[in-house]
Every structure is written in structure tokens, then in C-alpha cells.
Amino acid sequence: MGLLVQLNPVVQARLEAEAQALGLALAEYAAYLLEDATVHAEPPSAERTDPPEVQRWLDQLAQLSARIPAMPGETFSRDMIYQGHD
């Protein structure tokens, strides 16, 4: 399968230099880059979350936060965090 791609001169020059450094033809190197990008790219997610759904989820989390017990201040004191960093 053939594909014609128009590149700006700066990009083309950079690709040519990289291909030459690797001992590859420009077309071969470009095909390698496209294949690599396609194989390793994650497909776009078909599942999207709408803002109202996100807001409902955040509201549910906020309701649960009232059940989290308060942490005593001495649990993570400044002295404990920086102990031995004088």
C-alpha cells in the first residue's frame, strides 16, 4: 500500500538526518515510525464521562468524607517528617 505525505521542509530534513544516521531510506524510516506509533497508541476511549456525572460522583465522595476520622496532629509532626535533616 502506498501513501503520499506532505511534510514541511524542517520535519523532512530532520527525518532524513535520522534515517541516514540509522542507515535507512527515508520512506523505510517513516513507515517504521508510523507503524510504531500506531501499534503503541492507545485507541480513543468510546466511553466518555459527562460533567453532570462527574459532579454526582464528586458529591458522593464529599458525603463520604464526613465519615473519615480526624487524624491527630501529632501523627505527622514537622519534626517527624524532617527528622535527621538538620
Protein backbone atom coordinates (compact mmCIF):
# COMPACT_ATOMS: atom_id res chain seq x y z
CA MET A 1 0.00 0.00 0.00
CA GLY A 2 1.32 3.42 -0.87
CA LEU A 3 0.81 6.69 0.93
CA LEU A 4 1.83 10.19 -0.04
CA VAL A 5 2.57 12.51 2.88
CA GLN A 6 3.45 16.18 2.53
CA LEU A 7 5.99 17.31 5.14
CA ASN A 8 7.27 20.76 5.89
CA PRO A 9 10.95 21.16 4.99
CA VAL A 10 12.15 21.26 8.60
CA VAL A 11 10.45 17.98 9.50
CA GLN A 12 11.62 16.35 6.28
CA ALA A 13 15.22 17.40 6.90
CA ARG A 14 15.12 16.02 10.43
CA LEU A 15 13.61 12.72 9.30
CA GLU A 16 16.19 12.43 6.53
CA ALA A 17 19.01 13.00 9.01
CA GLU A 18 17.62 10.44 11.46
CA ALA A 19 17.07 7.90 8.67
CA GLN A 20 20.59 8.42 7.35
CA ALA A 21 22.06 8.01 10.84
CA LEU A 22 20.27 4.66 11.09
CA GLY A 23 21.27 3.61 7.59
CA LEU A 24 17.65 3.54 6.38
CA ALA A 25 15.89 5.07 3.42
CA LEU A 26 13.57 7.95 4.31
CA ALA A 27 10.44 6.04 3.25
CA GLU A 28 11.51 2.98 5.25
CA TYR A 29 12.17 5.06 8.37
CA ALA A 30 8.89 6.99 8.02
CA ALA A 31 6.98 3.72 7.64
CA TYR A 32 8.70 2.36 10.75
CA LEU A 33 7.74 5.47 12.76
CA LEU A 34 4.12 5.35 11.62
CA GLU A 35 3.83 1.64 12.36
CA ASP A 36 5.41 2.07 15.78
CA ALA A 37 3.11 4.98 16.64
CA THR A 38 0.06 3.02 15.50
CA VAL A 39 0.93 -0.19 17.31
CA HIS A 40 1.74 1.52 20.61
CA ALA A 41 -1.01 4.13 20.55
CA GLU A 42 -3.99 3.57 22.78
CA PRO A 43 -7.29 3.75 20.93
CA PRO A 44 -9.52 6.65 21.88
CA SER A 45 -11.93 5.75 24.62
CA ALA A 46 -15.50 5.31 23.43
CA GLU A 47 -16.70 5.83 26.97
CA ARG A 48 -16.85 9.48 27.96
CA THR A 49 -17.99 10.91 31.25
CA ASP A 50 -20.19 13.95 31.04
CA PRO A 51 -19.75 16.84 33.52
CA PRO A 52 -23.03 16.20 35.42
CA GLU A 53 -21.98 12.59 36.00
CA VAL A 54 -18.59 13.74 37.28
CA GLN A 55 -20.30 16.23 39.60
CA ARG A 56 -22.57 13.49 41.01
CA TRP A 57 -19.52 11.32 41.66
CA LEU A 58 -17.72 14.16 43.43
CA ASP A 59 -20.82 14.87 45.53
CA GLN A 60 -20.91 11.20 46.60
CA LEU A 61 -17.25 11.39 47.62
CA ALA A 62 -17.91 14.56 49.61
CA GLN A 63 -20.70 12.79 51.54
CA LEU A 64 -18.29 10.00 52.47
CA SER A 65 -15.68 12.45 53.72
CA ALA A 66 -17.76 13.16 56.82
CA ARG A 67 -17.13 9.56 57.93
CA ILE A 68 -13.35 9.84 57.78
CA PRO A 69 -11.98 10.17 61.31
CA ALA A 70 -9.85 13.20 62.09
CA MET A 71 -6.16 12.49 62.35
CA PRO A 72 -4.41 13.69 65.48
CA GLY A 73 -1.90 16.46 64.76
CA GLU A 74 0.99 14.57 66.31
CA THR A 75 0.69 11.72 63.80
CA PHE A 76 2.66 13.68 61.21
CA SER A 77 4.53 16.38 63.01
CA ARG A 78 7.03 18.59 61.24
CA ASP A 79 9.79 17.19 63.47
CA MET A 80 8.89 13.64 62.49
CA ILE A 81 8.95 14.42 58.76
CA TYR A 82 12.26 16.27 58.87
CA GLN A 83 13.94 14.08 61.49
CA GLY A 84 17.62 13.74 60.68
CA HIS A 85 17.59 16.54 58.05
CA ASP A 86 19.29 19.23 60.12
